[in-house]
Protein backbone atom coordinates (compact mmCIF):
# COMPACT_ATOMS: atom_id res chain seq x y z
CA MET A 1 -7.61 -5.18 -2.01
CA VAL A 2 -7.33 -1.61 -3.44
CA SER A 3 -10.46 0.40 -2.80
CA GLY A 4 -9.32 3.35 -4.48
CA PHE A 5 -7.80 6.65 -3.51
CA TYR A 6 -8.52 8.55 -0.21
CA ASN A 7 -6.97 11.83 1.00
CA GLY A 8 -3.91 11.85 -1.29
CA GLY A 9 -3.19 8.30 -0.78
CA LEU A 10 -3.98 4.71 -1.87
CA LYS A 11 -6.86 3.06 0.04
CA VAL A 12 -6.48 -0.63 0.85
CA SER A 13 -8.99 -2.84 2.38
CA LEU A 14 -7.52 -5.34 4.72
CA LYS A 15 -9.20 -8.45 6.17
CA SER A 16 -6.82 -8.92 9.30
CA ALA A 17 -7.75 -7.29 12.59
CA PRO A 18 -5.32 -4.68 13.99
CA VAL A 19 -4.43 -7.26 16.71
CA ASP A 20 -0.66 -8.48 17.11
CA ASP A 21 0.51 -6.70 14.07
CA ALA A 22 -1.50 -8.97 11.82
CA ALA A 23 -3.14 -6.00 9.88
CA ASN A 24 0.56 -4.41 9.29
CA GLU A 25 1.82 -7.82 8.06
CA GLU A 26 -1.17 -8.22 5.74
CA CYS A 27 -0.57 -4.70 4.42
CA CYS A 28 3.21 -5.39 3.76
CA ARG A 29 2.28 -8.70 2.11
CA PHE A 30 -0.37 -7.04 -0.12
CA PHE A 31 2.31 -4.48 -1.47
CA SER A 32 4.79 -7.24 -1.82
CA GLY A 33 2.44 -9.28 -4.14
CA LEU A 34 1.33 -5.94 -6.02
CA PHE A 35 5.06 -4.84 -6.49
CA ARG A 36 6.41 -8.33 -6.87
CA VAL A 37 9.20 -7.82 -4.45
CA PRO A 38 10.04 -9.95 -1.43
CA PHE A 39 8.00 -9.34 1.63
CA SER A 40 11.24 -8.34 3.64
CA ARG A 41 11.58 -5.24 1.12
CA VAL A 42 8.20 -3.70 2.56
CA HIS A 43 8.24 -1.49 5.44
CA ILE A 44 5.79 0.75 7.23
CA VAL A 45 7.64 3.89 7.99
CA SER A 46 4.94 5.51 9.86
CA GLY A 47 1.48 4.69 11.24
CA ARG A 48 2.14 1.22 12.56
CA THR A 49 -0.77 1.79 15.42
CA SER A 50 -2.85 4.18 13.03
CA ARG A 51 -5.26 3.37 10.12
CA THR A 52 -3.17 5.92 8.04
CA LYS A 53 0.26 4.27 7.15
CA SER A 54 3.21 5.21 5.14
CA VAL A 55 4.76 2.57 3.34
CA MET A 56 8.17 2.25 1.67
CA ILE A 57 8.97 -0.41 -0.81
CA GLU A 58 12.87 -1.19 -1.26
CA GLY A 59 13.83 -1.15 -5.11
CA VAL A 60 10.79 0.39 -6.51
CA VAL A 61 11.49 3.93 -7.97
CA PRO A 62 8.67 6.44 -7.68
CA GLU A 63 8.07 6.35 -11.58
CA ASP A 64 7.41 2.63 -11.61
CA ALA A 65 5.24 2.93 -8.61
CA LYS A 66 3.20 5.76 -10.41
CA VAL A 67 2.90 3.62 -13.58
CA LEU A 68 1.59 0.60 -11.49
CA LEU A 69 -0.74 2.73 -9.18
CA GLY A 70 -2.02 4.59 -12.12
CA SER A 71 -3.87 1.50 -13.15
CA PHE A 72 -6.20 2.02 -10.17
CA VAL A 73 -7.25 5.47 -11.05
CA THR A 74 -10.37 6.24 -12.70
CA PRO A 75 -10.54 9.21 -15.34
CA GLN A 76 -12.53 11.14 -12.54
CA GLN A 77 -9.99 10.52 -9.97
CA SER A 78 -7.13 11.71 -12.22
CA THR A 79 -8.08 15.24 -12.96
């Protein structure tokens, strides 16, 4: 679930524990559903063992991502 923006990125709350890669998999599944792309096209490019991650979604251009993610921004956050 998207909790908002934090430190220049999107904050996502996960239910899975960070054990046996479960939280990373849940993170990828979340973005797979959000962007409606196959799970295999979502990759954590940095931060696999950290709370802060960088995610790449194959086939999604930055402009489309901004439009979709913009729906999570409140007027106070966009200024």
